[in-house]
Every structure is written in structure tokens, then in C-alpha cells.
């Protein structure tokens, strides 16, 4: 239903532009009480736009700011008019409406609790602490930067090696002779890589080279290589800013799970529906079984004590 409504006001927007003043992205956020439109004298505010965006904003893609705000307002106008039509038909007095209203209230409260309590309880400082702890646990890992020339035969590789030994430029020879389309145009440059990223025969040679040294011909499944070591360094961990959001999301998930467990432990949950209860019991039994040690890991009951 939400996507149908979104499609309706998106197509409507294509036919006529709604006169809506949009604030520039770099301006301070407007007051949530600021009125942006009225319907028969009833206001629609910036706060209403914000709530609508939280519900359907992800469905609007990369729509420019002014168009997005106009679309959100179209959605709220339709929302209000449909709601008033439902009230005229006394649908607000039905049991179905009361059930939906109670559900939506619980959902809104859950989302507010997540936003104001759980999310507010996870900070950049928490993420930084996790990052620093993980960085300390990382073992130094060597990386090398290398170039290579790939040819079909050993004879070709030996001929190119002779030219390099006499002063020919490795990069130029790679551009002219290498069969590797991924590195040829960049003079055979492979960039930095660590252990386990290249085939064994290639890796065995490259990590033994000295900086600036060119290997003898090396055979792999791809052909014959000449390898030149450009640089050697210790691999650095990704910068905190690159992984911060991922760490925060992990912390939020953990905190939400811990909160859910805590809240459930303080509540008496009685599943009345027999089919649902059976499904839950079977799932819990399976989880418990999977968490138990295997028979091979557990000594028999009559096993002699050491």
C-alpha cells in the first residue's frame, strides 16, 4: 500500500509542480512546527514531512531535495484526504481500525525507543574503542608492490630478461610485450598485495626479491613471468573513518539484541496458539541441539577417569 501511494504522488508530480519553497541543503533545519501547507485550514508541518520521510524516504532514491520535499507533501496531502474520507464512512469506529491503531502505536513507540535510548547509547567513542582494540590484535602483515611481464614461452621471457639486464626499461617492455590485459597498459603494475593473493609459484618468488630486483623467468598456470619488486611495507589497518559506520551498526545490533533479551527475561510470554507454540518449541530444540557438543567430543559415561 505504501509503494502504491508513492507511485501515485510521483506520477502526479510529473504532471504538475507543487508550489513549495524548499530550504537549501546547507541551511539550518527548520522548526518542526513550521507550517508548509494547509488542507481546509488544517496544517501540515515540517515535523510531518520528517515523519513521512522516515517512512517512505528510502523508496525515493536520489531524488533532488526540492522534488523530494514536494513528493513528501503530496503523500501527506493524499494521506490526510483519504483519512478524512475514511472518517466520513465511520471506518475509524471499526474493530479493524482499532487493531491497526494499536499496532501502529506500538511500532512508533518501538522506533522512538530505538532512536532515543538504544541509538543514543552508542557513540563514536564506543566505536573508536572497539577499533583501537581490534587494531592492537592485528599481527604485522607484509605487503609488496610489484610489476610483471607475462609471455607465452620461456624463451620469450629469457630474451626480455636479457634486455632488462642490459638496461631496458621494465615498464616499457611490459607495455609492449605483456599478455596480461589488466596490468599491461600500466607497465605491468600489480599494486600492493599480501600473502595468499597470488598463485603460489609467483608468490614464492616475489616475496624473496630485493627492492628493484628482477626475477628470472617464473612459470605459472598463466604462462611465463618476469617479476620486478617495486616496494615492501607493513600493511596498515583501514582508517577509522572508513570502518566507523560498520562498527556502529554492529554495536547497535548487539545493543538491540541485548535489550531484547533483557526485556523478554522480565516478561511472562505465553504462546496460546498451539501451531505457533509447536513451531517455536521445535526451533528452540534445534538451536539447543546444535549448540551441544558432538558425541565425538564427549567421552562415554563409562570411560575410565584419568
Protein backbone atom coordinates (compact mmCIF):
# COMPACT_ATOMS: atom_id res chain seq x y z
CA UNK A 1 0.00 0.00 0.00
CA UNK A 2 2.86 2.35 0.84
CA UNK A 3 4.50 1.77 -2.55
CA UNK A 4 1.18 2.31 -4.36
CA UNK A 5 0.76 5.67 -2.65
CA UNK A 6 4.34 6.60 -3.50
CA UNK A 7 3.76 5.76 -7.18
CA UNK A 8 0.59 7.87 -7.22
CA UNK A 9 2.21 11.05 -5.97
CA UNK A 10 5.36 10.51 -8.03
CA UNK A 11 3.38 10.37 -11.27
CA UNK A 12 1.23 13.29 -10.13
CA UNK A 13 4.40 15.31 -9.55
CA UNK A 14 5.49 14.70 -13.14
CA UNK A 15 2.29 16.36 -14.41
CA UNK A 16 2.24 19.45 -12.23
CA UNK A 17 4.74 21.16 -9.99
CA UNK A 18 3.53 21.95 -6.49
CA UNK A 19 4.48 25.46 -5.28
CA UNK A 20 6.65 24.52 -2.34
CA UNK A 21 9.53 26.59 -1.01
CA UNK A 22 12.44 24.24 -0.35
CA UNK A 23 15.15 25.13 2.10
CA UNK A 24 18.72 24.89 0.82
CA UNK A 25 20.62 21.83 1.99
CA UNK A 26 23.22 23.94 3.76
CA UNK A 27 20.69 25.87 5.86
CA UNK A 28 19.82 25.02 9.45
CA UNK A 29 16.89 22.59 9.76
CA UNK A 30 13.50 24.31 10.01
CA UNK A 31 11.39 24.16 13.14
CA UNK A 32 9.18 21.02 13.20
CA UNK A 33 6.20 23.31 13.93
CA UNK A 34 6.71 25.37 10.77
CA UNK A 35 3.64 25.06 8.52
CA UNK A 36 4.40 24.11 4.91
CA UNK A 37 0.80 23.74 3.67
CA UNK A 38 -2.80 23.60 4.87
CA UNK A 39 -5.75 21.42 3.88
CA UNK A 40 -9.08 23.11 4.61
CA UNK A 41 -7.24 25.11 7.24
CA UNK A 42 -5.54 22.08 8.83
CA UNK A 43 -1.73 22.45 8.90
CA UNK A 44 0.94 20.16 7.55
CA UNK A 45 4.25 20.91 9.24
CA UNK A 46 7.96 20.29 8.80
CA UNK A 47 7.59 17.69 11.54
CA UNK A 48 5.01 15.88 9.41
CA UNK A 49 7.42 15.92 6.46
CA UNK A 50 10.15 14.44 8.66
CA UNK A 51 7.91 11.59 9.82
CA UNK A 52 6.82 10.88 6.24
CA UNK A 53 10.44 10.81 5.10
CA UNK A 54 11.32 8.28 7.81
CA UNK A 55 8.58 6.04 6.43
CA UNK A 56 8.97 6.33 2.65
CA UNK A 57 12.21 8.27 2.11
CA UNK A 58 14.18 5.13 1.23
CA UNK A 59 11.77 4.47 -1.65
CA UNK A 60 12.54 7.83 -3.25
CA UNK A 61 16.10 7.08 -4.31
CA UNK A 62 18.32 10.06 -5.10
CA UNK A 63 15.51 12.49 -5.82
CA UNK A 64 16.74 16.12 -5.51
CA UNK A 65 15.85 17.92 -2.27
CA UNK A 66 13.09 20.25 -3.55
CA UNK A 67 11.40 17.44 -5.53
CA UNK A 68 11.68 15.11 -2.58
CA UNK A 69 10.00 17.60 -0.25
CA UNK A 70 7.28 18.23 -2.83
CA UNK A 71 6.67 14.48 -3.16
CA UNK A 72 6.53 14.05 0.60
CA UNK A 73 3.96 16.82 0.81
CA UNK A 74 1.89 15.21 -1.95
CA UNK A 75 1.95 11.99 0.07
CA UNK A 76 0.81 13.81 3.23
CA UNK A 77 -1.99 15.61 1.36
CA UNK A 78 -3.32 12.32 -0.02
CA UNK A 79 -2.85 10.73 3.39
CA UNK A 80 -4.96 13.44 5.05
CA UNK A 81 -7.72 13.41 2.42
CA UNK A 82 -8.02 9.62 2.44
CA UNK A 83 -8.10 9.65 6.26
CA UNK A 84 -10.91 12.21 6.27
CA UNK A 85 -12.84 10.16 3.72
CA UNK A 86 -12.44 7.09 5.94
CA UNK A 87 -13.76 9.04 8.94
CA UNK A 88 -16.84 10.11 6.95
CA UNK A 89 -17.51 6.42 6.29
CA UNK A 90 -17.04 5.81 10.05
CA UNK A 91 -14.18 3.40 9.43
CA UNK A 92 -12.45 4.86 12.49
CA UNK A 93 -15.14 3.22 14.61
CA UNK A 94 -14.43 -0.31 13.33
CA UNK A 95 -12.61 -3.04 15.23
CA UNK A 96 -10.16 -3.34 12.32
CA UNK A 97 -9.14 0.31 12.74
CA UNK A 98 -8.60 -0.10 16.49
CA UNK A 99 -6.39 -3.13 15.87
CA UNK A 100 -4.31 -1.25 13.31
CA UNK A 101 -4.12 1.84 15.51
CA UNK A 102 -2.84 -0.20 18.46
CA UNK A 103 -0.23 -1.86 16.25
CA UNK A 104 0.96 1.44 14.77
CA UNK A 105 1.23 2.93 18.26
CA UNK A 106 3.43 0.06 19.42
CA UNK A 107 5.57 0.33 16.30
CA UNK A 108 6.01 4.09 16.74
CA UNK A 109 6.99 3.61 20.37
CA UNK A 110 9.46 0.88 19.43
CA UNK A 111 11.08 3.13 16.83
CA UNK A 112 11.26 6.03 19.29
CA UNK A 113 12.82 3.77 21.93
CA UNK A 114 15.43 2.59 19.44
CA UNK A 115 16.18 6.17 18.38
CA UNK A 116 16.18 7.83 21.82
CA UNK A 117 17.56 5.04 24.00
CA UNK A 118 19.43 2.37 22.05
CA UNK A 119 20.89 4.53 19.27
CA UNK A 120 21.66 7.37 21.67
CA UNK A 121 23.60 4.89 23.80
CA UNK A 122 26.13 4.11 21.04
CA UNK A 123 28.69 6.83 20.33
CA UNK A 124 31.66 7.43 18.07
CA UNK A 125 33.82 6.98 21.18
CA UNK A 126 32.43 3.45 21.62
CA UNK A 127 33.27 2.67 18.01
CA UNK A 128 36.75 4.12 18.40
CA UNK A 129 37.39 1.94 21.44
CA UNK A 130 36.42 -1.21 19.51
CA UNK A 131 38.58 -0.08 16.58
CA UNK A 132 41.64 0.51 18.77
CA UNK A 133 41.20 -2.86 20.48
CA UNK A 134 41.00 -4.70 17.16
CA UNK A 135 43.98 -2.85 15.70
CA UNK A 136 46.09 -3.94 18.70
CA UNK A 137 45.21 -7.57 17.97
CA UNK A 138 46.31 -7.36 14.33
CA UNK A 139 49.58 -9.08 13.55
CA UNK A 140 52.02 -7.22 11.29
CA UNK A 141 51.42 -8.32 7.71
CA UNK A 142 53.95 -7.79 4.95
CA UNK A 143 52.86 -6.38 1.61
CA UNK A 144 54.81 -5.93 -1.60
CA UNK A 145 54.31 -3.84 -4.69
CA UNK A 146 55.46 -5.43 -7.93
CA UNK A 147 55.36 -5.29 -11.72
CA UNK A 148 55.37 -8.25 -14.06
CA UNK A 149 55.60 -9.15 -17.71
CA UNK A 150 53.57 -12.17 -18.83
CA UNK A 151 54.52 -14.04 -22.03
CA UNK A 152 53.69 -17.44 -23.53
CA UNK A 153 57.11 -19.12 -23.60
CA UNK A 154 60.24 -19.37 -21.50
CA UNK A 155 62.31 -18.29 -24.50
CA UNK A 156 60.39 -15.02 -24.75
CA UNK A 157 60.85 -14.40 -21.03
CA UNK A 158 64.61 -15.07 -21.21
CA UNK A 159 65.00 -12.72 -24.17
CA UNK A 160 63.21 -9.92 -22.29
CA UNK A 161 65.31 -10.58 -19.18
CA UNK A 162 68.48 -10.11 -21.22
CA UNK A 163 67.22 -6.74 -22.43
CA UNK A 164 66.40 -5.66 -18.87
CA UNK A 165 69.84 -6.76 -17.64
CA UNK A 166 71.34 -4.53 -20.35
CA UNK A 167 69.37 -1.51 -19.16
CA UNK A 168 65.99 -1.72 -20.94
CA UNK A 169 63.05 -0.18 -19.09
CA UNK A 170 60.88 -2.85 -17.42
CA UNK A 171 57.68 -0.82 -17.63
CA UNK A 172 58.11 -0.08 -21.33
CA UNK A 173 58.80 -3.73 -22.11
CA UNK A 174 55.66 -4.69 -20.18
CA UNK A 175 53.55 -2.29 -22.25
CA UNK A 176 54.99 -3.70 -25.46
CA UNK A 177 55.08 -7.42 -24.65
CA UNK A 178 52.93 -8.44 -21.68
CA UNK A 179 49.89 -10.66 -22.26
CA UNK A 180 48.19 -9.51 -19.04
CA UNK A 181 45.42 -7.07 -20.09
CA UNK A 182 44.85 -5.93 -16.53
CA UNK A 183 48.34 -4.53 -15.98
CA UNK A 184 49.91 -4.17 -19.42
CA UNK A 185 48.94 -0.55 -20.08
CA UNK A 186 50.26 0.44 -16.63
CA UNK A 187 53.67 -1.05 -17.28
CA UNK A 188 52.84 -4.35 -15.58
CA UNK A 189 51.96 -2.66 -12.30
CA UNK A 190 50.17 -5.02 -9.87
CA UNK A 191 49.99 -2.60 -6.95
CA UNK A 192 50.35 -3.77 -3.34
CA UNK A 193 49.33 -7.28 -2.32
CA UNK A 194 49.90 -9.62 0.59
CA UNK A 195 50.49 -13.32 1.11
CA UNK A 196 47.84 -15.59 -0.38
CA UNK A 197 46.71 -13.17 -3.09
CA UNK A 198 48.84 -14.56 -5.92
CA UNK A 199 49.36 -18.08 -7.23
CA UNK A 200 51.98 -19.97 -5.14
CA UNK A 201 54.76 -20.07 -7.78
CA UNK A 202 54.52 -16.30 -8.30
CA UNK A 203 54.28 -15.51 -4.59
CA UNK A 204 57.25 -17.69 -3.69
CA UNK A 205 59.47 -15.65 -5.98
CA UNK A 206 58.21 -12.12 -5.42
CA UNK A 207 58.50 -12.12 -1.63
CA UNK A 208 62.17 -13.21 -1.88
CA UNK A 209 63.19 -10.39 -4.22
CA UNK A 210 65.02 -7.27 -3.10
CA UNK A 211 63.63 -3.84 -3.94
CA UNK A 212 64.36 -3.07 -7.61
CA UNK A 213 65.41 -6.65 -8.38
CA UNK A 214 64.01 -8.53 -11.41
CA UNK A 215 63.42 -12.28 -11.20
CA UNK A 216 64.41 -14.99 -13.63
CA UNK A 217 61.51 -16.40 -15.68
CA UNK A 218 58.77 -17.88 -13.47
CA UNK A 219 56.24 -20.42 -14.77
CA UNK A 220 52.63 -20.41 -13.57
CA UNK A 221 49.34 -21.67 -14.97
CA UNK A 222 49.06 -18.38 -16.89
CA UNK A 223 52.40 -18.55 -18.69
CA UNK A 224 55.91 -17.24 -18.03
CA UNK A 225 56.53 -14.15 -15.88
CA UNK A 226 59.31 -11.71 -15.20
CA UNK A 227 58.72 -10.05 -11.82
CA UNK A 228 60.17 -6.79 -10.53
CA UNK A 229 59.81 -5.83 -6.85
CA UNK A 230 58.89 -2.16 -6.52
CA UNK A 231 58.41 -1.79 -2.76
CA UNK A 232 57.92 -3.64 0.51
CA UNK A 233 55.91 -2.44 3.53
CA UNK A 234 53.86 -3.47 6.56
CA UNK A 235 50.14 -3.46 5.76
CA UNK A 236 48.24 -0.71 7.56
CA UNK A 237 44.74 -1.26 9.00
CA UNK A 238 41.87 0.63 7.33
CA UNK A 239 41.39 4.15 8.70
CA UNK A 240 38.85 4.54 11.50
CA UNK A 241 36.63 6.81 9.40
CA UNK A 242 36.33 4.13 6.74
CA UNK A 243 35.05 1.43 9.13
CA UNK A 244 33.33 3.61 11.75
CA UNK A 245 29.80 3.26 10.36
CA UNK A 246 30.14 -0.51 10.10
CA UNK A 247 31.35 -0.75 13.70
CA UNK A 248 28.49 1.47 14.93
CA UNK A 249 25.94 -0.69 13.10
CA UNK A 250 27.43 -3.78 14.73
CA UNK A 251 27.26 -2.13 18.17
CA UNK A 252 23.65 -1.07 17.57
CA UNK A 253 22.68 -4.60 16.59
CA UNK A 254 24.38 -6.04 19.66
CA UNK A 255 22.79 -3.49 21.98
CA UNK A 256 19.35 -4.10 20.45
CA UNK A 257 19.74 -7.87 20.87
CA UNK A 258 20.89 -7.49 24.48
CA UNK A 259 17.97 -5.17 25.22
CA UNK A 260 15.51 -7.62 23.65
CA UNK A 261 16.86 -10.49 25.75
CA UNK A 262 16.70 -8.37 28.90
CA UNK A 263 13.12 -7.25 28.22
CA UNK A 264 11.99 -10.80 27.45
CA UNK A 265 13.56 -12.14 30.63
CA UNK A 266 11.43 -9.73 32.66
CA UNK A 267 8.20 -10.60 30.86
CA UNK A 268 5.95 -13.66 31.01
CA UNK A 269 5.33 -14.76 27.44
CA UNK A 270 2.64 -17.41 26.98
CA UNK A 271 2.09 -18.59 23.39
CA UNK A 272 -1.54 -19.71 23.25
CA UNK A 273 -1.82 -20.72 19.59
CA UNK A 274 -0.85 -24.45 19.51
CA UNK A 275 0.63 -24.44 15.99
CA UNK A 276 2.83 -21.40 16.65
CA UNK A 277 3.86 -22.84 20.03
CA UNK A 278 4.86 -26.13 18.38
CA UNK A 279 6.92 -24.31 15.72
CA UNK A 280 8.71 -22.24 18.38
CA UNK A 281 9.41 -25.30 20.55
CA UNK A 282 10.83 -27.20 17.56
CA UNK A 283 13.05 -24.27 16.62
CA UNK A 284 14.34 -23.89 20.18
CA UNK A 285 15.04 -27.64 20.38
CA UNK A 286 17.02 -27.47 17.13
CA UNK A 287 19.05 -24.49 18.35
CA UNK A 288 19.79 -26.26 21.63
CA UNK A 289 20.82 -29.44 19.81
CA UNK A 290 23.18 -27.53 17.51
CA UNK A 291 24.79 -25.79 20.49
CA UNK A 292 25.57 -29.08 22.28
CA UNK A 293 28.99 -30.73 21.78
CA UNK A 294 29.13 -33.57 19.27
CA UNK A 295 29.25 -37.15 20.53
CA UNK A 296 32.84 -37.48 19.33
CA UNK A 297 33.81 -34.58 21.60
CA UNK A 298 32.14 -36.10 24.69
CA UNK A 299 33.70 -39.12 26.44
CA UNK A 300 31.37 -42.10 27.11
CA UNK A 301 29.79 -42.30 30.54
CA UNK A 302 31.78 -45.43 31.48
CA UNK A 303 35.09 -44.09 30.24
CA UNK A 304 37.86 -44.61 32.81
CA UNK A 305 38.89 -41.48 34.65
CA UNK A 306 42.48 -40.33 34.12
